[in-house]
Amino acid sequence: MKFYKSLILFVVLSVTIVGCRVVKLDPIEILTFEQKLEQLFPDAEITKMDVKDHFKKAFQLILNEPLDHNNYDAGTFKHYVYLSHTDVKKPMVLITEGYNANPSTYELSKIFKGNQVQVEYRFYGKSRPDSLQWKYLKNDKAIEDYHQLVTKLKSLYKGKWISTGISKGGETVLIYKSKYPYDVDVAVPYVAPLIDSQEDIRTEEHINTVGSDECRAKIIKLQRLILENREAILNEISTYAEEKNMSFTELSTEEALEYAVLEFPFSFWQWGGNCEEIPSENATAKELFNYVNSIVGISFYNDKTYYDLLPSYYQHMTELGYYGFDTTPVKDLIKVVHEPTNLRFAPKNTDLTYNPDYIKDVRNFVENQGHKILYVYGEYDTWGACAPNPKPHVNAVKMVLKGGSHSTRIKDFSTEEKQLIYNKLQNWLGYSVTIYPLEN
């Protein structure tokens, strides 16, 4: 009996000793947020930026972006991305810029008070290589830039994702949605056109019917008045160009003047021009020039802008489509631009074959399957003529601001309309997301 008691005591003591043995554990490595970014983007140049608004951290990322995500041997370009961080659990707003990116807090980021990643479009702004290989400036390649970036950032940001962009950037939102419909939870394109051809006639139809008969007549009268005072206004352009140190070698000042006159009706309605401000026939040449310059901007045709916008015109002429010019009201006064076309501003010595199916496929998707998309438009905006119209069965909302222009934003709608927008966003994103109404 004593033997068994001793055996039991030995077993208990052995178990106790083993149970109390100190086990050495590997140390847990705690990374800072910046270190986590460096792990996600090991080849990127990451620098801190000044923090603004509700954000807690801000970074500039310069990525070595593949020219072709399906062929890494093609090389890379420096791609600029701006990340503003507040909390990995909060919503992330993805901004697909249509052109260059100037770091700023977008409207939706203020509504959600979450995170924001702002992406410059490939080959624009700082993300433009010294030598442009146009074959790599295709929408699908740009969309792959976003998809790869979002896929990586989702390992950090587990909350809801919202994509947004303005004008060409809004168009990119819709293209992205059609290619990767589940990358984001909600899409909010602002004033985004989906253009049907190289010269979409719907913009011309809009110009000929929008506003009042009286206002449209005043626009035509102004166009004619400018060309009838051609020499005096050309002198004003030359003076202005000298003051602003602008050169006109790609286009002459005479060609720039005629294109500005033909462009005027489009820009007038796009930016919400005021008919009461259109100069009368008694206006001086300086007054006429100043007014047209304020609406169209003669700098649009100077050498620097011509160079800066080459990527844009390449995209519009090959995949996105654009608009044309109506010479009818001033045909007898045209001396230089007898057959106006936006092809005039596209790169030379490169293939500009237009693909008519690209945007039609995007339109087909968003109008028939584009769920959880909030569209924002202005009634008078010329680009609104090319807006998609989601079918009744699609869970989407299209908001059109009465009298609104290309600068229309959510903040511009009435209190009741804004509440409708907030309710829809809340419904789509769920009540784990807090919405902060914009201040009036």
Protein backbone atom coordinates (compact mmCIF):
# COMPACT_ATOMS: atom_id res chain seq x y z
CA MET A 1 0.00 0.00 0.00
CA LYS A 2 2.89 2.31 0.84
CA PHE A 3 4.39 1.51 -2.56
CA TYR A 4 1.28 2.73 -4.38
CA LYS A 5 1.13 5.91 -2.30
CA SER A 6 4.75 6.65 -3.16
CA LEU A 7 4.11 6.00 -6.85
CA ILE A 8 1.15 8.34 -6.90
CA LEU A 9 3.18 11.05 -5.14
CA PHE A 10 6.01 10.62 -7.70
CA VAL A 11 3.59 10.99 -10.62
CA VAL A 12 1.94 14.10 -9.13
CA LEU A 13 5.30 15.72 -8.46
CA SER A 14 6.52 14.88 -11.98
CA VAL A 15 3.42 16.38 -13.57
CA THR A 16 3.76 19.46 -11.38
CA ILE A 17 7.42 19.94 -12.36
CA VAL A 18 6.69 19.48 -16.07
CA GLY A 19 3.65 21.76 -15.83
CA CYS A 20 5.74 24.51 -14.26
CA ARG A 21 8.52 24.29 -16.83
CA VAL A 22 9.31 27.65 -18.45
CA VAL A 23 8.70 27.55 -22.23
CA LYS A 24 10.68 30.09 -24.29
CA LEU A 25 8.46 31.94 -26.80
CA ASP A 26 9.60 33.84 -29.88
CA PRO A 27 9.32 37.62 -29.45
CA ILE A 28 6.28 39.27 -31.08
CA GLU A 29 7.29 41.92 -33.63
CA ILE A 30 5.04 44.99 -33.56
CA LEU A 31 5.25 47.06 -36.76
CA THR A 32 4.41 50.70 -37.12
CA PHE A 33 1.87 51.67 -39.78
CA GLU A 34 4.65 53.03 -41.98
CA GLN A 35 6.56 49.74 -41.66
CA LYS A 36 3.45 47.86 -42.73
CA LEU A 37 3.25 50.08 -45.80
CA GLU A 38 6.91 49.37 -46.55
CA GLN A 39 6.20 45.64 -46.35
CA LEU A 40 3.26 45.99 -48.74
CA PHE A 41 5.23 48.15 -51.18
CA PRO A 42 8.88 47.13 -50.76
CA ASP A 43 10.01 48.81 -53.99
CA ALA A 44 8.15 52.07 -53.42
CA GLU A 45 9.51 55.40 -52.23
CA ILE A 46 7.37 56.34 -49.23
CA THR A 47 7.53 59.76 -47.61
CA LYS A 48 5.43 61.42 -44.94
CA MET A 49 3.23 64.36 -45.85
CA ASP A 50 1.50 67.09 -43.85
CA VAL A 51 -1.68 65.86 -42.22
CA LYS A 52 -4.91 67.70 -43.02
CA ASP A 53 -8.54 67.64 -41.91
CA HIS A 54 -9.54 64.53 -39.93
CA PHE A 55 -6.63 62.34 -41.05
CA LYS A 56 -3.94 61.16 -38.60
CA LYS A 57 -1.19 60.20 -41.06
CA ALA A 58 -0.45 61.02 -44.68
CA PHE A 59 2.04 59.53 -47.14
CA GLN A 60 3.21 59.96 -50.69
CA LEU A 61 3.91 56.65 -52.39
CA ILE A 62 5.93 56.55 -55.59
CA LEU A 63 5.38 53.09 -57.03
CA ASN A 64 7.45 51.36 -59.67
CA GLU A 65 4.35 50.58 -61.70
CA PRO A 66 4.59 48.02 -64.52
CA LEU A 67 3.90 49.49 -67.94
CA ASP A 68 2.13 46.20 -68.65
CA HIS A 69 0.92 44.03 -65.77
CA ASN A 70 0.97 41.02 -68.09
CA ASN A 71 4.54 41.62 -69.23
CA TYR A 72 6.93 42.82 -66.55
CA ASP A 73 9.78 42.86 -69.06
CA ALA A 74 8.19 45.94 -70.62
CA GLY A 75 9.54 48.04 -67.74
CA THR A 76 8.05 50.39 -65.17
CA PHE A 77 7.17 54.04 -64.62
CA LYS A 78 6.99 56.18 -61.48
CA HIS A 79 3.37 56.23 -60.32
CA TYR A 80 2.29 58.75 -57.67
CA VAL A 81 -0.24 57.76 -55.01
CA TYR A 82 -1.35 59.78 -51.97
CA LEU A 83 -2.59 57.89 -48.90
CA SER A 84 -4.36 59.67 -46.03
CA HIS A 85 -4.94 57.45 -43.01
CA THR A 86 -7.15 57.64 -39.96
CA ASP A 87 -8.15 54.09 -38.89
CA VAL A 88 -7.84 50.72 -40.65
CA LYS A 89 -11.37 49.84 -39.51
CA LYS A 90 -12.92 52.93 -41.10
CA PRO A 91 -14.10 53.13 -44.73
CA MET A 92 -11.57 53.73 -47.49
CA VAL A 93 -12.33 56.18 -50.29
CA LEU A 94 -10.46 55.36 -53.51
CA ILE A 95 -10.07 58.37 -55.82
CA THR A 96 -9.39 57.50 -59.43
CA GLU A 97 -8.09 60.72 -60.92
CA GLY A 98 -8.67 61.23 -64.63
CA TYR A 99 -5.56 63.37 -64.99
CA ASN A 100 -2.90 64.56 -62.53
CA ALA A 101 -3.42 64.38 -58.78
CA ASN A 102 -3.23 67.33 -56.39
CA PRO A 103 -3.47 65.98 -52.83
CA SER A 104 -6.69 67.19 -51.23
CA THR A 105 -9.57 65.88 -49.12
CA TYR A 106 -12.46 64.83 -51.33
CA GLU A 107 -16.14 65.30 -50.50
CA LEU A 108 -16.83 61.64 -49.77
CA SER A 109 -13.86 61.46 -47.40
CA LYS A 110 -15.48 64.26 -45.41
CA ILE A 111 -18.81 62.42 -45.41
CA PHE A 112 -17.27 59.21 -44.01
CA LYS A 113 -14.33 60.70 -42.08
CA GLY A 114 -12.41 57.59 -43.03
CA ASN A 115 -9.30 56.92 -45.08
CA GLN A 116 -8.46 58.13 -48.58
CA VAL A 117 -6.16 56.93 -51.34
CA GLN A 118 -5.78 59.29 -54.29
CA VAL A 119 -4.24 57.83 -57.44
CA GLU A 120 -2.80 59.84 -60.30
CA TYR A 121 -3.74 58.44 -63.71
CA ARG A 122 -0.84 56.76 -65.48
CA PHE A 123 1.13 59.07 -67.80
CA TYR A 124 -0.32 62.28 -66.31
CA GLY A 125 1.23 64.84 -63.98
CA LYS A 126 4.23 63.53 -62.08
CA SER A 127 3.43 59.99 -63.25
CA ARG A 128 4.41 60.83 -66.82
CA PRO A 129 7.57 59.13 -68.12
CA ASP A 130 10.07 61.18 -70.10
CA SER A 131 9.32 59.07 -73.15
CA LEU A 132 5.69 58.07 -73.72
CA GLN A 133 4.93 54.69 -75.24
CA TRP A 134 1.32 55.26 -76.23
CA LYS A 135 0.46 51.56 -76.45
CA TYR A 136 0.68 51.41 -72.64
CA LEU A 137 -1.81 54.25 -72.16
CA LYS A 138 -4.88 52.03 -72.34
CA ASN A 139 -7.78 52.03 -69.90
CA ASP A 140 -7.42 48.35 -69.07
CA LYS A 141 -3.79 48.88 -68.06
CA ALA A 142 -4.79 51.80 -65.83
CA ILE A 143 -7.59 49.73 -64.30
CA GLU A 144 -5.06 47.03 -63.47
CA ASP A 145 -3.04 49.70 -61.61
CA TYR A 146 -6.06 50.30 -59.36
CA HIS A 147 -6.89 46.63 -58.94
CA GLN A 148 -3.37 45.73 -57.82
CA LEU A 149 -3.22 48.69 -55.43
CA VAL A 150 -6.62 47.94 -53.89
CA THR A 151 -5.80 44.25 -53.50
CA LYS A 152 -2.68 45.11 -51.50
CA LEU A 153 -4.27 47.82 -49.36
CA LYS A 154 -7.18 45.55 -48.45
CA SER A 155 -4.76 43.50 -46.34
CA LEU A 156 -4.58 46.60 -44.12
CA TYR A 157 -7.98 48.24 -44.58
CA LYS A 158 -10.73 45.75 -43.77
CA GLY A 159 -13.64 48.20 -43.76
CA LYS A 160 -15.93 49.25 -46.59
CA TRP A 161 -14.47 50.56 -49.84
CA ILE A 162 -15.95 53.38 -51.92
CA SER A 163 -14.56 54.51 -55.29
CA THR A 164 -15.07 58.02 -56.60
CA GLY A 165 -13.78 60.38 -59.27
CA ILE A 166 -14.77 63.51 -61.16
CA SER A 167 -15.40 63.86 -64.92
CA LYS A 168 -12.80 61.65 -66.66
CA GLY A 169 -11.98 60.34 -63.19
CA GLY A 170 -15.66 59.47 -62.72
CA GLU A 171 -15.63 57.75 -66.08
CA THR A 172 -12.68 55.73 -64.77
CA VAL A 173 -14.80 54.77 -61.74
CA LEU A 174 -17.37 53.25 -64.10
CA ILE A 175 -14.79 51.49 -66.25
CA TYR A 176 -13.16 50.04 -63.11
CA LYS A 177 -16.56 48.92 -61.82
CA SER A 178 -17.28 47.12 -65.10
CA LYS A 179 -13.94 45.27 -65.04
CA TYR A 180 -13.74 44.46 -61.30
CA PRO A 181 -17.31 44.80 -59.96
CA TYR A 182 -16.44 43.48 -56.48
CA ASP A 183 -13.29 45.48 -55.72
CA VAL A 184 -15.34 48.20 -54.00
CA ASP A 185 -18.65 48.17 -52.15
CA VAL A 186 -20.06 51.42 -53.58
CA ALA A 187 -19.12 53.66 -56.51
CA VAL A 188 -19.82 57.41 -56.65
CA PRO A 189 -18.87 58.93 -60.03
CA TYR A 190 -19.33 62.69 -60.39
CA VAL A 191 -20.36 64.24 -63.75
CA ALA A 192 -19.04 61.18 -65.59
CA PRO A 193 -19.69 60.81 -69.32
CA LEU A 194 -19.73 57.54 -71.23
CA ILE A 195 -19.16 58.74 -74.78
CA ASP A 196 -20.42 56.81 -77.79
CA SER A 197 -18.05 57.93 -80.56
CA GLN A 198 -15.08 60.13 -81.43
CA GLU A 199 -17.54 62.98 -81.91
CA ASP A 200 -20.64 62.20 -79.88
CA ILE A 201 -23.54 64.13 -81.42
CA ARG A 202 -25.46 64.14 -78.12
CA THR A 203 -23.32 67.03 -76.87
CA GLU A 204 -24.32 69.07 -79.92
CA GLU A 205 -27.98 68.21 -79.37
CA HIS A 206 -27.63 69.36 -75.76
CA ILE A 207 -26.07 72.70 -76.79
CA ASN A 208 -28.92 73.33 -79.24
CA THR A 209 -31.70 72.66 -76.72
CA VAL A 210 -30.43 73.56 -73.22
CA GLY A 211 -31.48 76.84 -71.60
CA SER A 212 -33.69 79.39 -73.34
CA ASP A 213 -33.92 80.35 -77.01
CA GLU A 214 -32.83 83.84 -76.05
CA CYS A 215 -29.70 82.64 -74.28
CA ARG A 216 -28.67 80.36 -77.14
CA ALA A 217 -29.16 83.26 -79.57
CA LYS A 218 -26.89 85.46 -77.41
CA ILE A 219 -24.19 82.78 -77.52
CA ILE A 220 -24.24 82.66 -81.31
CA LYS A 221 -24.22 86.46 -81.51
CA LEU A 222 -21.15 86.54 -79.27
CA GLN A 223 -19.35 83.94 -81.40
CA ARG A 224 -19.93 86.03 -84.50
CA LEU A 225 -19.01 89.26 -82.75
CA ILE A 226 -15.63 87.89 -81.75
CA LEU A 227 -14.76 86.73 -85.27
CA GLU A 228 -15.99 90.01 -86.73
CA ASN A 229 -13.49 91.75 -84.44
CA ARG A 230 -10.76 89.23 -85.24
CA GLU A 231 -7.73 91.56 -85.56
CA ALA A 232 -8.42 93.50 -82.38
CA ILE A 233 -8.95 90.34 -80.36
CA LEU A 234 -5.84 88.71 -81.83
CA ASN A 235 -3.94 91.71 -80.48
CA GLU A 236 -5.48 91.09 -77.06
CA ILE A 237 -4.40 87.44 -77.22
CA SER A 238 -0.83 88.45 -78.12
CA THR A 239 -0.69 90.92 -75.24
CA TYR A 240 -2.09 88.35 -72.82
CA ALA A 241 0.32 85.66 -74.04
CA GLU A 242 3.28 87.98 -73.52
CA GLU A 243 2.13 88.86 -69.99
CA LYS A 244 1.68 85.16 -69.08
CA ASN A 245 4.82 84.03 -70.91
CA MET A 246 2.82 81.68 -73.16
CA SER A 247 3.92 80.51 -76.59
CA PHE A 248 1.71 79.45 -79.52
CA THR A 249 3.77 77.38 -81.93
CA GLU A 250 1.76 74.15 -82.01
CA LEU A 251 -1.29 76.25 -82.79
CA SER A 252 -1.11 79.80 -84.09
CA THR A 253 -3.02 82.47 -82.18
CA GLU A 254 -5.44 82.68 -85.11
CA GLU A 255 -6.15 78.97 -84.95
CA ALA A 256 -6.45 79.19 -81.16
CA LEU A 257 -8.98 82.02 -81.51
CA GLU A 258 -11.20 80.08 -83.91
CA TYR A 259 -11.09 76.92 -81.80
CA ALA A 260 -11.95 78.98 -78.71
CA VAL A 261 -14.97 80.44 -80.52
CA LEU A 262 -16.14 76.97 -81.62
CA GLU A 263 -15.51 75.59 -78.13
CA PHE A 264 -17.37 78.42 -76.41
CA PRO A 265 -20.96 76.97 -76.38
CA PHE A 266 -19.71 73.65 -74.96
CA SER A 267 -17.72 75.33 -72.18
CA PHE A 268 -20.45 77.89 -71.46
CA TRP A 269 -23.01 75.23 -70.56
CA GLN A 270 -20.44 72.87 -69.04
CA TRP A 271 -19.39 75.41 -66.45
CA GLY A 272 -22.77 76.98 -65.85
CA GLY A 273 -22.34 80.27 -67.70
CA ASN A 274 -24.66 83.15 -66.85
CA CYS A 275 -26.55 84.48 -69.88
CA GLU A 276 -26.84 87.91 -68.27
CA GLU A 277 -23.04 88.24 -68.30
CA ILE A 278 -22.61 87.69 -72.06
CA PRO A 279 -21.17 90.96 -73.47
CA SER A 280 -23.29 93.04 -75.81
CA GLU A 281 -22.35 94.26 -79.29
CA ASN A 282 -21.08 97.49 -77.72
CA ALA A 283 -18.33 95.64 -75.78
CA THR A 284 -14.71 96.52 -76.49
CA ALA A 285 -12.27 93.97 -77.92
CA LYS A 286 -10.65 93.69 -74.49
CA GLU A 287 -14.02 93.00 -72.84
CA LEU A 288 -14.87 90.37 -75.46
CA PHE A 289 -11.51 88.67 -75.03
CA ASN A 290 -11.66 88.76 -71.24
CA TYR A 291 -15.09 87.16 -71.24
CA VAL A 292 -14.25 84.34 -73.67
CA ASN A 293 -10.98 83.80 -71.84
CA SER A 294 -12.88 83.40 -68.55
CA ILE A 295 -15.11 80.68 -70.06
CA VAL A 296 -12.80 78.78 -72.41
CA GLY A 297 -9.32 79.92 -71.43
CA ILE A 298 -7.02 80.81 -74.31
CA SER A 299 -4.20 79.12 -72.38
CA PHE A 300 -5.91 75.86 -73.31
CA TYR A 301 -4.28 76.22 -76.73
CA ASN A 302 -0.78 77.31 -75.74
CA ASP A 303 2.22 74.99 -76.13
CA LYS A 304 2.43 73.89 -72.49
CA THR A 305 -1.21 72.84 -72.22
CA TYR A 306 -1.01 71.21 -75.64
CA TYR A 307 1.88 69.09 -74.37
CA ASP A 308 0.25 68.35 -70.99
CA LEU A 309 -3.00 67.14 -72.58
CA LEU A 310 -1.51 64.86 -75.24
CA PRO A 311 -2.27 61.78 -73.09
CA SER A 312 -5.89 62.91 -72.67
CA TYR A 313 -6.49 63.39 -76.38
CA TYR A 314 -4.82 60.07 -77.14
CA GLN A 315 -7.25 58.30 -74.81
CA HIS A 316 -10.28 60.18 -76.09
CA MET A 317 -9.46 59.56 -79.73
CA THR A 318 -8.70 55.83 -79.30
CA GLU A 319 -11.01 54.51 -76.56
CA LEU A 320 -12.99 57.09 -74.61
CA GLY A 321 -14.50 59.14 -77.43
CA TYR A 322 -15.09 62.90 -77.34
CA TYR A 323 -17.20 65.64 -78.92
CA GLY A 324 -17.19 67.61 -82.15
CA PHE A 325 -17.66 71.25 -83.18
CA ASP A 326 -20.60 72.90 -84.91
CA THR A 327 -19.39 75.49 -87.41
CA THR A 328 -22.86 76.31 -88.77
CA PRO A 329 -23.44 79.59 -86.85
CA VAL A 330 -20.05 81.05 -87.88
CA LYS A 331 -19.11 79.16 -91.05
CA ASP A 332 -18.90 82.32 -93.17
CA LEU A 333 -16.43 83.89 -90.69
CA ILE A 334 -14.01 80.95 -90.38
CA LYS A 335 -10.65 81.54 -92.06
CA VAL A 336 -8.39 78.79 -90.67
CA VAL A 337 -10.31 75.96 -88.96
CA HIS A 338 -12.57 74.83 -91.78
CA GLU A 339 -12.79 71.20 -90.60
CA PRO A 340 -12.38 71.38 -86.82
CA THR A 341 -11.63 68.17 -84.96
CA ASN A 342 -10.17 67.21 -81.60
CA LEU A 343 -7.81 64.93 -83.49
CA ARG A 344 -5.88 68.17 -84.02
CA PHE A 345 -4.74 67.98 -80.37
CA ALA A 346 -3.81 64.27 -80.34
CA PRO A 347 -0.24 62.93 -80.65
CA LYS A 348 1.21 62.82 -84.13
CA ASN A 349 2.82 59.82 -85.82
CA THR A 350 0.97 57.25 -83.74
CA ASP A 351 -1.98 54.93 -84.31
CA LEU A 352 -5.21 56.72 -83.39
CA THR A 353 -7.62 53.97 -84.47
CA TYR A 354 -10.80 54.33 -82.46
CA ASN A 355 -12.31 51.31 -80.71
CA PRO A 356 -16.10 51.90 -80.78
CA ASP A 357 -16.89 48.92 -78.57
CA TYR A 358 -14.83 49.75 -75.50
CA ILE A 359 -17.10 52.31 -73.83
CA LYS A 360 -20.24 50.65 -75.23
CA ASP A 361 -19.34 47.54 -73.22
CA VAL A 362 -18.84 49.66 -70.10
CA ARG A 363 -22.18 51.38 -70.67
CA ASN A 364 -23.92 48.04 -71.15
CA PHE A 365 -22.53 46.79 -67.84
CA VAL A 366 -23.31 49.80 -65.66
CA GLU A 367 -26.78 50.34 -67.11
CA ASN A 368 -27.78 46.68 -66.70
CA GLN A 369 -25.62 45.34 -63.86
CA GLY A 370 -24.08 48.38 -62.18
CA HIS A 371 -25.51 48.00 -58.69
CA LYS A 372 -24.68 50.34 -55.80
CA ILE A 373 -23.62 53.24 -57.99
CA LEU A 374 -24.57 56.81 -57.03
CA TYR A 375 -24.38 59.11 -60.07
CA VAL A 376 -24.05 62.89 -59.58
CA TYR A 377 -24.75 65.31 -62.48
CA GLY A 378 -25.64 68.92 -63.21
CA GLU A 379 -28.63 69.61 -65.47
CA TYR A 380 -26.88 72.12 -67.76
CA ASP A 381 -23.50 70.35 -67.96
CA THR A 382 -22.76 69.44 -71.58
CA TRP A 383 -21.17 66.16 -70.51
CA GLY A 384 -24.45 65.17 -68.87
CA ALA A 385 -25.76 64.47 -72.38
CA CYS A 386 -23.48 61.42 -72.36
CA ALA A 387 -24.48 60.17 -68.92
CA PRO A 388 -25.50 56.53 -68.53
CA ASN A 389 -29.08 55.73 -67.55
CA PRO A 390 -29.33 52.70 -65.25
CA LYS A 391 -32.28 50.43 -65.98
CA PRO A 392 -35.15 50.29 -63.44
CA HIS A 393 -34.09 46.86 -62.12
CA VAL A 394 -30.58 48.11 -61.25
CA ASN A 395 -29.95 49.14 -57.64
CA ALA A 396 -28.46 52.53 -58.49
CA VAL A 397 -29.38 56.20 -58.02
CA LYS A 398 -28.88 59.06 -60.46
CA MET A 399 -29.02 62.55 -58.97
CA VAL A 400 -29.27 65.52 -61.34
CA LEU A 401 -29.00 69.01 -59.85
CA LYS A 402 -31.46 71.43 -61.47
CA GLY A 403 -29.47 74.13 -63.25
CA GLY A 404 -26.25 72.46 -62.14
CA SER A 405 -22.95 72.45 -64.02
CA HIS A 406 -19.84 70.29 -64.31
CA SER A 407 -18.84 71.52 -60.86
CA THR A 408 -21.91 69.92 -59.23
CA ARG A 409 -21.20 68.11 -55.96
CA ILE A 410 -23.32 66.47 -53.24
CA LYS A 411 -23.05 69.65 -51.12
CA ASP A 412 -24.96 71.58 -53.81
CA PHE A 413 -28.19 69.60 -53.48
CA SER A 414 -31.08 70.58 -51.24
CA THR A 415 -31.28 69.32 -47.67
CA GLU A 416 -33.94 66.80 -48.68
CA GLU A 417 -31.91 65.55 -51.66
CA LYS A 418 -28.75 65.26 -49.59
CA GLN A 419 -30.65 63.20 -47.02
CA LEU A 420 -31.83 60.89 -49.80
CA ILE A 421 -28.18 60.45 -50.82
CA TYR A 422 -27.06 59.76 -47.23
CA ASN A 423 -29.87 57.24 -46.73
CA LYS A 424 -28.93 55.37 -49.89
CA LEU A 425 -25.24 55.27 -48.98
CA GLN A 426 -26.17 54.07 -45.50
CA ASN A 427 -28.37 51.35 -46.94
CA TRP A 428 -25.65 50.14 -49.28
CA LEU A 429 -22.78 50.27 -46.78
CA GLY A 430 -24.61 49.13 -43.66
CA TYR A 431 -24.98 50.75 -40.27
CA SER A 432 -21.48 49.88 -39.14
CA VAL A 433 -20.47 52.89 -41.25
CA THR A 434 -21.08 56.35 -39.78
CA ILE A 435 -22.15 59.13 -42.13
CA TYR A 436 -21.32 62.74 -41.25
CA PRO A 437 -23.66 65.12 -43.13
CA LEU A 438 -21.91 67.92 -44.96
CA GLU A 439 -22.21 71.39 -43.50
CA ASN A 440 -24.45 73.68 -45.54
